[in-house]
Protein backbone atom coordinates (compact mmCIF):
# COMPACT_ATOMS: atom_id res chain seq x y z
CA UNK A 1 88.75 248.74 28.46
CA UNK A 2 90.94 246.14 29.04
CA UNK A 3 94.13 246.40 26.35
CA UNK A 4 94.39 242.37 26.20
CA UNK A 5 91.39 239.77 26.41
CA UNK A 6 90.47 238.10 30.05
CA UNK A 7 92.19 234.89 28.77
CA UNK A 8 95.84 236.85 30.48
CA UNK A 9 93.87 237.16 33.25
CA UNK A 10 92.96 234.52 34.09
CA UNK A 11 94.45 232.84 37.18
CA UNK A 12 92.10 230.34 37.23
CA UNK A 13 94.67 228.41 34.29
CA UNK A 14 97.74 227.19 34.78
CA UNK A 15 100.74 228.81 33.95
CA UNK A 16 101.69 225.65 31.74
CA UNK A 17 105.00 226.71 32.78
CA UNK A 18 108.23 224.03 33.11
CA UNK A 19 108.70 225.48 36.48
CA UNK A 20 105.31 224.70 37.93
CA UNK A 21 106.90 220.95 38.03
CA UNK A 22 109.47 222.16 40.36
CA UNK A 23 107.90 223.18 43.10
CA UNK A 24 105.28 222.07 45.62
CA UNK A 25 102.13 222.79 44.92
CA UNK A 26 101.68 223.69 48.71
CA UNK A 27 104.90 226.38 48.53
CA UNK A 28 102.74 228.54 46.12
CA UNK A 29 99.44 228.34 47.30
CA UNK A 30 98.50 231.28 50.31
CA UNK A 31 95.23 231.28 51.58
CA UNK A 32 92.91 233.96 50.69
CA UNK A 33 91.96 237.21 52.67
CA UNK A 34 89.17 236.71 54.62
CA UNK A 35 86.84 239.15 56.60
CA UNK A 36 88.46 242.77 57.83
CA UNK A 37 92.51 243.10 58.19
CA UNK A 38 93.99 245.54 59.03
CA UNK A 39 98.26 246.34 58.27
CA UNK A 40 100.41 249.22 58.54
CA UNK A 41 101.89 248.33 54.59
CA UNK A 42 99.81 246.34 51.69
CA UNK A 43 101.97 245.34 48.89
CA UNK A 44 99.06 244.89 45.44
CA UNK A 45 100.92 241.88 43.75
CA UNK A 46 103.79 238.13 45.09
CA UNK A 47 106.32 238.12 42.15
CA UNK A 48 109.76 239.57 42.59
CA UNK A 49 108.86 243.53 43.73
CA UNK A 50 106.52 242.73 45.29
CA UNK A 51 107.95 239.49 47.13
CA UNK A 52 111.18 241.39 48.17
CA UNK A 53 109.26 244.81 49.66
CA UNK A 54 107.27 241.90 51.68
CA UNK A 55 110.65 240.78 53.19
CA UNK A 56 113.01 244.12 53.49
CA UNK A 57 109.50 245.63 55.35
CA UNK A 58 108.78 242.44 57.31
CA UNK A 59 112.55 241.47 58.00
CA UNK A 60 114.73 244.34 57.75
CA UNK A 61 112.65 246.84 59.53
CA UNK A 62 110.17 244.80 61.40
CA UNK A 63 106.24 247.24 59.96
CA UNK A 64 103.06 244.64 59.67
CA UNK A 65 102.57 244.39 56.40
CA UNK A 66 100.17 242.24 53.84
CA UNK A 67 100.71 240.92 50.81
CA UNK A 68 98.05 240.61 47.81
CA UNK A 69 98.25 237.90 44.95
CA UNK A 70 95.40 237.88 42.88
CA UNK A 71 96.81 234.02 41.88
CA UNK A 72 99.04 232.04 43.44
CA UNK A 73 102.34 233.31 44.26
CA UNK A 74 104.44 233.82 40.89
CA UNK A 75 101.78 233.45 38.64
CA UNK A 76 102.80 236.47 36.67
CA UNK A 77 105.79 237.23 34.56
CA UNK A 78 107.69 235.83 38.00
CA UNK A 79 107.19 232.29 37.50
CA UNK A 80 107.00 232.22 33.76
CA UNK A 81 110.58 233.76 32.73
CA UNK A 82 113.40 232.74 31.47
CA UNK A 83 115.21 232.52 34.32
CA UNK A 84 117.86 235.29 33.61
CA UNK A 85 119.44 237.20 36.56
CA UNK A 86 121.40 240.13 34.24
CA UNK A 87 122.12 243.64 33.58
CA UNK A 88 119.42 245.37 32.27
CA UNK A 89 115.66 247.40 33.17
CA UNK A 90 115.83 249.85 30.28
CA UNK A 91 114.99 249.66 26.65
CA UNK A 92 117.83 251.89 26.32
CA UNK A 93 121.44 252.19 25.16
CA UNK A 94 123.84 252.97 27.21
CA UNK A 95 124.64 256.10 24.85
CA UNK A 96 121.20 256.97 24.86
CA UNK A 97 121.51 256.77 28.84
CA UNK A 98 124.18 259.19 28.99
CA UNK A 99 122.85 262.14 26.23
CA UNK A 100 119.65 262.43 28.61
CA UNK A 101 120.76 261.75 31.92
CA UNK A 102 124.12 262.60 32.01
CA UNK A 103 127.53 260.34 32.69
CA UNK A 104 126.91 259.80 36.25
CA UNK A 105 123.59 259.36 36.77
CA UNK A 106 124.24 256.96 33.44
CA UNK A 107 127.23 255.46 35.61
CA UNK A 108 124.80 255.36 38.57
CA UNK A 109 122.06 253.05 36.99
CA UNK A 110 125.07 250.96 35.56
CA UNK A 111 126.11 250.39 39.34
CA UNK A 112 122.43 249.40 40.44
CA UNK A 113 122.12 246.83 37.69
CA UNK A 114 125.36 244.61 39.33
CA UNK A 115 124.07 245.54 43.14
CA UNK A 116 120.64 244.11 41.78
CA UNK A 117 121.85 241.24 40.76
CA UNK A 118 124.47 241.03 44.16
CA UNK A 119 120.97 241.39 46.22
CA UNK A 120 119.51 238.38 44.33
CA UNK A 121 122.48 235.81 44.89
CA UNK A 122 122.68 237.44 48.60
CA UNK A 123 119.29 236.46 48.85
CA UNK A 124 119.45 232.78 47.95
CA UNK A 125 122.54 232.33 50.09
CA UNK A 126 121.08 234.33 53.20
CA UNK A 127 117.71 232.09 52.42
CA UNK A 128 119.04 228.95 51.91
CA UNK A 129 116.82 228.97 48.51
CA UNK A 130 117.92 226.06 46.10
CA UNK A 131 117.06 227.91 42.94
CA UNK A 132 118.79 225.17 40.28
CA UNK A 133 121.93 228.33 39.66
CA UNK A 134 123.99 227.81 36.45
CA UNK A 135 125.83 230.30 34.10
CA UNK A 136 129.39 232.87 34.91
CA UNK A 137 127.80 235.83 33.22
CA UNK A 138 125.98 236.19 30.16
CA UNK A 139 126.65 235.61 26.07
CA UNK A 140 125.46 237.92 23.64
CA UNK A 141 125.54 236.29 20.32
CA UNK A 142 126.01 238.14 17.01
CA UNK A 143 123.27 237.40 14.08
CA UNK A 144 124.75 238.78 11.73
CA UNK A 145 128.02 240.65 10.62
CA UNK A 146 126.70 244.24 10.94
CA UNK A 147 125.80 243.12 14.62
CA UNK A 148 128.83 241.06 15.44
CA UNK A 149 130.70 245.43 14.27
CA UNK A 150 127.61 247.02 17.26
CA UNK A 151 128.36 244.30 19.62
CA UNK A 152 132.37 245.52 18.86
CA UNK A 153 131.66 248.98 19.29
CA UNK A 154 129.24 248.83 22.44
CA UNK A 155 131.88 247.20 23.87
CA UNK A 156 134.85 249.76 23.25
CA UNK A 157 132.29 252.17 24.22
CA UNK A 158 131.13 250.46 27.95
CA UNK A 159 135.00 250.15 28.10
CA UNK A 160 135.75 253.91 28.01
CA UNK A 161 133.15 255.18 29.18
CA UNK A 162 132.46 252.73 31.94
CA UNK A 163 135.49 250.54 32.65
CA UNK A 164 133.62 247.48 32.27
CA UNK A 165 135.18 245.30 30.16
CA UNK A 166 133.45 242.46 27.43
CA UNK A 167 135.28 240.17 26.16
CA UNK A 168 134.26 239.52 22.06
CA UNK A 169 134.79 235.97 20.67
CA UNK A 170 135.15 235.21 17.18
CA UNK A 171 132.02 232.39 15.19
CA UNK A 172 135.38 229.68 15.35
CA UNK A 173 136.22 230.46 19.51
CA UNK A 174 132.08 230.48 20.02
CA UNK A 175 132.46 227.04 18.38
CA UNK A 176 135.09 225.94 20.94
CA UNK A 177 133.18 226.85 23.88
CA UNK A 178 130.40 224.18 23.33
CA UNK A 179 128.66 227.23 20.82
CA UNK A 180 127.67 227.09 18.44
CA UNK A 181 124.46 227.59 15.61
CA UNK A 182 123.98 227.93 11.31
CA UNK A 183 123.56 232.06 13.11
CA UNK A 184 125.70 232.72 15.36
CA UNK A 185 128.91 235.22 13.58
CA UNK A 186 129.91 236.11 16.95
CA UNK A 187 129.32 237.17 20.59
CA UNK A 188 130.43 238.87 23.52
CA UNK A 189 130.34 238.00 27.10
CA UNK A 190 129.88 239.99 30.14
CA UNK A 191 130.88 238.34 33.29
CA UNK A 192 128.54 239.51 35.31
CA UNK A 193 124.35 237.86 36.23
CA UNK A 194 123.95 233.74 36.25
CA UNK A 195 120.65 232.28 35.73
CA UNK A 196 118.16 230.44 37.72
CA UNK A 197 114.58 228.46 38.43
CA UNK A 198 112.73 231.85 38.59
CA UNK A 199 109.60 229.80 40.45
CA UNK A 200 112.04 228.46 42.84
CA UNK A 201 113.20 231.95 43.75
CA UNK A 202 109.80 233.09 44.01
CA UNK A 203 108.80 230.07 46.27
CA UNK A 204 111.31 230.86 48.44
CA UNK A 205 111.37 234.27 48.58
CA UNK A 206 107.31 233.92 49.70
CA UNK A 207 108.53 231.14 52.45
CA UNK A 208 111.25 233.39 54.10
CA UNK A 209 108.74 237.13 53.91
CA UNK A 210 106.57 234.87 55.28
CA UNK A 211 109.20 233.68 58.03
CA UNK A 212 109.92 237.34 59.09
CA UNK A 213 106.67 238.21 59.87
CA UNK A 214 104.46 239.31 56.73
CA UNK A 215 100.91 237.95 56.10
CA UNK A 216 100.72 236.76 52.69
CA UNK A 217 97.27 236.30 50.60
CA UNK A 218 96.90 234.34 47.30
CA UNK A 219 93.61 234.29 44.94
CA UNK A 220 93.43 237.83 46.94
CA UNK A 221 92.45 239.56 43.56
CA UNK A 222 92.54 243.40 44.45
CA UNK A 223 88.57 244.44 42.75
CA UNK A 224 88.50 247.90 43.85
CA UNK A 225 90.77 250.77 46.22
CA UNK A 226 89.42 253.45 47.60
CA UNK A 227 90.27 255.58 50.79
CA UNK A 228 88.40 254.94 54.11
CA UNK A 229 90.17 258.04 56.36
CA UNK A 230 93.45 257.87 56.94
CA UNK A 231 94.40 254.13 54.89
CA UNK A 232 93.93 252.63 51.46
CA UNK A 233 90.90 250.18 51.64
CA UNK A 234 91.53 247.42 49.06
CA UNK A 235 88.75 245.17 48.42
CA UNK A 236 88.63 241.29 47.03
CA UNK A 237 86.20 238.61 46.94
CA UNK A 238 85.99 237.08 50.18
CA UNK A 239 86.73 240.78 52.69
CA UNK A 240 89.28 243.39 52.65
CA UNK A 241 92.58 245.08 53.73
CA UNK A 242 92.80 248.61 55.39
CA UNK A 243 96.76 249.98 55.52
CA UNK A 244 98.24 253.07 56.13
CA UNK A 245 100.63 252.65 52.95
CA UNK A 246 100.36 250.90 49.70
CA UNK A 247 102.82 249.60 47.44
CA UNK A 248 101.38 248.74 43.37
CA UNK A 249 103.93 245.14 42.34
CA UNK A 250 101.75 243.73 39.48
CA UNK A 251 104.31 245.06 36.91
CA UNK A 252 102.65 244.06 33.18
CA UNK A 253 99.63 242.82 35.34
CA UNK A 254 98.34 245.49 35.74
CA UNK A 255 94.42 246.08 35.37
CA UNK A 256 94.28 249.37 35.03
CA UNK A 257 90.18 249.60 34.07
CA UNK A 258 89.62 248.91 38.36
CA UNK A 259 87.96 251.68 40.62
CA UNK A 260 90.14 253.15 42.77
CA UNK A 261 93.25 255.79 42.06
CA UNK A 262 96.34 253.67 42.17
CA UNK A 263 94.72 252.04 39.41
CA UNK A 264 94.19 255.99 37.77
CA UNK A 265 97.32 256.52 38.21
CA UNK A 266 98.88 253.83 36.30
CA UNK A 267 96.49 253.60 34.05
CA UNK A 268 97.82 254.47 30.60
CA UNK A 269 101.85 254.73 30.90
CA UNK A 270 102.40 251.05 31.28
CA UNK A 271 102.67 248.51 28.05
CA UNK A 272 102.68 244.90 28.72
CA UNK A 273 104.75 243.18 26.16
CA UNK A 274 103.78 239.09 25.96
CA UNK A 275 107.08 236.78 25.75
CA UNK A 276 107.15 233.42 24.68
CA UNK A 277 109.86 230.47 26.13
CA UNK A 278 109.67 226.05 25.33
CA UNK A 279 111.59 223.73 27.62
CA UNK A 280 112.55 220.81 25.81
CA UNK A 281 113.03 216.97 27.38
CA UNK A 282 116.24 216.36 29.00
CA UNK A 283 118.62 216.64 25.78
CA UNK A 284 121.83 213.59 25.52
CA UNK A 285 125.52 214.01 25.58
CA UNK A 286 125.27 212.28 21.88
CA UNK A 287 121.98 215.44 21.01
CA UNK A 288 123.93 218.53 22.76
CA UNK A 289 127.63 217.70 20.28
CA UNK A 290 125.49 216.98 17.03
CA UNK A 291 124.28 221.12 17.98
CA UNK A 292 127.43 221.46 19.11
CA UNK A 293 125.45 223.18 21.98
CA UNK A 294 127.70 222.12 25.11
CA UNK A 295 127.67 224.92 27.06
CA UNK A 296 125.44 225.94 30.32
CA UNK A 297 126.06 230.23 29.64
CA UNK A 298 122.52 231.95 29.31
CA UNK A 299 122.80 233.98 25.94
CA UNK A 300 120.74 235.50 24.04
CA UNK A 301 120.77 236.82 20.07
CA UNK A 302 121.46 240.11 18.97
CA UNK A 303 117.75 240.66 17.53
CA UNK A 304 115.78 243.88 18.70
CA UNK A 305 112.39 241.14 18.41
CA UNK A 306 115.59 239.12 20.60
CA UNK A 307 116.13 235.27 21.78
CA UNK A 308 117.26 234.36 24.21
CA UNK A 309 118.19 230.64 25.24
CA UNK A 310 119.95 228.35 27.49
CA UNK A 311 120.76 224.70 28.64
CA UNK A 312 119.70 223.83 31.74
CA UNK A 313 121.66 221.95 34.38
CA UNK A 314 118.98 218.83 34.02
CA UNK A 315 119.92 219.03 30.37
CA UNK A 316 116.71 220.58 29.02
CA UNK A 317 117.67 223.76 26.87
CA UNK A 318 115.22 226.63 27.27
CA UNK A 319 114.06 228.98 24.37
CA UNK A 320 112.24 231.93 24.48
CA UNK A 321 111.23 234.75 22.45
CA UNK A 322 109.52 237.70 22.41
CA UNK A 323 105.05 236.80 21.26
CA UNK A 324 102.53 238.04 19.71
CA UNK A 325 100.43 241.27 20.21
CA UNK A 326 97.47 239.14 21.67
CA UNK A 327 96.46 236.68 24.05
CA UNK A 328 93.36 234.63 22.75
CA UNK A 329 93.09 231.23 22.81
CA UNK A 330 94.19 231.08 18.96
CA UNK A 331 96.77 233.50 19.27
CA UNK A 332 98.52 231.38 21.82
CA UNK A 333 98.43 228.63 19.59
CA UNK A 334 100.14 230.99 16.76
CA UNK A 335 103.00 231.51 18.55
CA UNK A 336 103.76 228.15 19.55
CA UNK A 337 103.53 227.25 15.92
CA UNK A 338 106.38 230.62 15.66
CA UNK A 339 108.70 229.56 18.73
CA UNK A 340 109.06 225.91 17.17
CA UNK A 341 109.88 227.64 13.46
CA UNK A 342 112.24 229.61 15.03
CA UNK A 343 113.70 227.47 17.63
CA UNK A 344 114.26 224.23 14.75
CA UNK A 345 115.56 227.01 12.43
CA UNK A 346 118.87 228.39 15.16
CA UNK A 347 119.14 224.67 16.26
CA UNK A 348 118.58 222.04 13.43
CA UNK A 349 120.25 219.25 15.10
CA UNK A 350 117.54 219.12 17.48
CA UNK A 351 114.73 219.85 15.20
CA UNK A 352 113.03 216.36 16.30
CA UNK A 353 113.63 217.58 20.02
CA UNK A 354 110.31 216.78 22.17
CA UNK A 355 109.46 220.07 23.40
CA UNK A 356 107.41 219.27 26.65
CA UNK A 357 105.78 222.69 27.72
CA UNK A 358 105.66 226.24 26.17
CA UNK A 359 103.80 229.06 27.22
CA UNK A 360 103.82 233.14 27.20
CA UNK A 361 103.28 236.04 29.98
CA UNK A 362 103.83 240.08 30.11
CA UNK A 363 106.70 241.38 30.73
CA UNK A 364 106.08 245.87 31.11
CA UNK A 365 107.76 248.85 29.12
CA UNK A 366 106.96 252.32 30.08
CA UNK A 367 107.17 254.97 27.62
CA UNK A 368 110.34 256.16 28.59
CA UNK A 369 111.71 253.18 28.31
CA UNK A 370 113.27 252.81 31.59
CA UNK A 371 111.64 251.25 35.17
CA UNK A 372 109.64 253.20 37.67
CA UNK A 373 110.20 253.43 41.49
CA UNK A 374 108.27 256.07 43.48
CA UNK A 375 104.81 257.26 44.84
CA UNK A 376 101.87 257.99 42.58
CA UNK A 377 100.41 261.30 41.02
CA UNK A 378 96.89 262.03 43.07
CA UNK A 379 97.57 258.99 45.25
CA UNK A 380 98.21 259.87 48.99
CA UNK A 381 101.21 257.36 50.85
CA UNK A 382 101.11 254.97 46.87
CA UNK A 383 103.53 254.00 46.12
CA UNK A 384 105.20 251.69 42.39
CA UNK A 385 107.70 249.53 41.41
CA UNK A 386 107.53 248.12 38.04
CA UNK A 387 108.68 248.33 33.97
CA UNK A 388 111.54 246.15 33.94
CA UNK A 389 111.76 245.90 30.10
CA UNK A 390 112.04 241.67 30.11
CA UNK A 391 115.23 241.48 32.61
CA UNK A 392 112.61 241.35 36.49
CA UNK A 393 114.27 238.49 38.13
CA UNK A 394 117.43 241.20 39.10
CA UNK A 395 115.83 244.65 38.33
CA UNK A 396 112.13 243.89 39.68
CA UNK A 397 113.71 242.28 43.11
CA UNK A 398 116.55 245.34 44.13
CA UNK A 399 113.55 247.98 43.41
CA UNK A 400 111.11 245.71 45.24
CA UNK A 401 113.18 246.26 48.16
CA UNK A 402 114.31 249.66 47.10
CA UNK A 403 109.85 251.14 47.34
CA UNK A 404 109.91 249.08 50.74
CA UNK A 405 112.71 251.17 52.43
CA UNK A 406 111.13 254.36 50.51
CA UNK A 407 107.73 253.72 51.89
CA UNK A 408 109.35 252.87 55.56
CA UNK A 409 110.55 255.91 55.45
CA UNK A 410 114.55 255.12 55.58
CA UNK A 411 114.93 256.32 51.70
CA UNK A 412 113.55 258.34 49.22
CA UNK A 413 113.57 258.76 46.13
CA UNK A 414 116.78 260.99 45.20
CA UNK A 415 118.96 258.07 46.39
CA UNK A 416 118.18 256.83 43.74
CA UNK A 417 119.97 256.73 40.25
CA UNK A 418 117.68 259.39 38.36
CA UNK A 419 116.86 257.20 35.14
CA UNK A 420 114.90 255.08 37.88
CA UNK A 421 112.51 257.77 39.00
CA UNK A 422 110.79 258.75 36.88
CA UNK A 423 108.22 260.42 36.23
CA UNK A 424 106.44 257.86 34.82
CA UNK A 425 104.47 259.45 31.34
CA UNK A 426 101.45 258.25 30.17
CA UNK A 427 102.01 256.60 26.35
CA UNK A 428 100.49 259.54 24.07
CA UNK A 429 96.78 257.99 23.08
CA UNK A 430 97.04 255.18 25.28
CA UNK A 431 94.11 253.40 23.05
CA UNK A 432 96.43 252.95 20.45
CA UNK A 433 99.23 250.97 21.95
CA UNK A 434 99.34 247.77 21.02
CA UNK A 435 98.78 249.21 17.41
CA UNK A 436 102.55 251.17 18.26
CA UNK A 437 103.27 247.70 19.12
CA UNK A 438 102.47 246.30 16.11
CA UNK A 439 104.19 248.66 14.41
CA UNK A 440 107.28 248.68 16.76
CA UNK A 441 107.65 245.11 16.45
CA UNK A 442 106.81 245.72 12.25
CA UNK A 443 110.02 247.89 11.90
CA UNK A 444 112.08 245.57 14.69
CA UNK A 445 111.82 243.12 12.03
CA UNK A 446 112.79 244.92 9.41
CA UNK A 447 116.21 245.92 11.28
CA UNK A 448 116.84 242.41 12.50
CA UNK A 449 117.05 241.47 8.91
CA UNK A 450 117.24 243.61 6.33
CA UNK A 451 118.15 246.99 7.40
C-alpha cells in the first residue's frame, strides 16, 4: 500500500509551481520509451540526481545511457523546491556527525557539501545554463532569543572544529541589511551557496545530457523491474528497456510497492516529507521598504519545522515551509491556508499582496538522517543515490555524478565520505512511518515555540 495517496503520484497534474511559467514546455518534454530498447546503463528518475548521473555517464565516460522519467523532466522535487543551492543533506548536526563518524569523516562530509555547491556552479557555467542565480551564501535567522544563543554556539563550534566562519548579526544589523521581520532576533551568514531557478537548472541539465549522447524518455513510468539473463528489464506502458546496470534516482517519489528487487531493496528505507512553497506577484520598491526586506539573500529560520524564503531577481518573494502529512486534495487546501497564515505573520506588511502560486512536493529522509550513495542489497548491478533531507539542489547533483562514477567503475564507495555510504537501514515497522512523522512534527512544534 502506498505511503501517501495516489494524488501525490498523479503525473497528469501540472506541478502548479511558479517555475513552470519560466521554461518552455518543450524543454521538459521528452518522448516516451517505445518498444524494446537497450543501454549499458539505465537511470530511473529525471531530477537533479538522475540528470547529473546521465550527464556524467554520457559526457565524461562516453557511456551508452538511457534515463526514464515517469512525468516530464523535473516533475518531482527538482521542479518543486525553493531553489537553495546550499550546504546540507543531513538532518544530523555537525556535533552528532562527529560523535557518530569521527572528526575526520565529519570534515570530509562538510567538504563534500562545499564541493556540491561548486559542482552546480561549474555545470551552470560549462553548459551555459541561465538559472537566474543570486545570493552570496545563506542567512540563518533566529526566531527567538534561545535560538540566537544556539546560533552563537554553532558558529563557535564550526570555527574551532573545522575552521568554518559564520558571521553573526544582531536584530539591528539585520534591519540595516534589509532583512527585517517581527520574528527575527538575530542571524548568522554562511558565505557558501547561492539561489537559482531549479526548473531552469533541471532543463539545462537535460539539454546538456542529451547533447552528450544520453537518451532521455519522459512519461515513461517504470512499472516493474526483473532480471533477463545478465541484464535488468525495466517495463513501461509502451515498451521496455534492457540494461546491464541500474541507478535508482527516484528520491522521495519512489513507488516502493512496485514489483522488482530494486524497489524491494528500497522499500521501508525512505520517508517522503511534504514541503510547501508560495510565490507572490512582483513587489514594488514601496512594498519592500514597508516590510523592511530588500535583501536578495536566501534565508531560513531556526525552527525544526523551518521556513525558507528569498526575494527573487524579478521582484517576486518565495516563501516555503514543511507541509502537511497527507497529499489529498483536501489536505492541499489545508496546507495552503497554513502557509498563507505563516507568511502573513512573519511578513505582515505583505498581507494584502497577491500570492500567484502555491504548490507542494516531497523531500526525502532516511532512517539514519543522512544521504545514501551506493549499491542496493540483493540487487546485482543496481545502485541508488537519494535522501537529501530538503537540500537536494547541491547534494543531489553531486551524488548523481558520484553514483555515475561508481557504476562506470571509475571510483568506489570508499572514495566517498562515510556519512553518505550507509548502510541504508529500514525504518522500524515501516508501515508506521507517517505515524512517526506526525509525532515528530508535534514534538518539533513544541521545541520550536516552547522548550
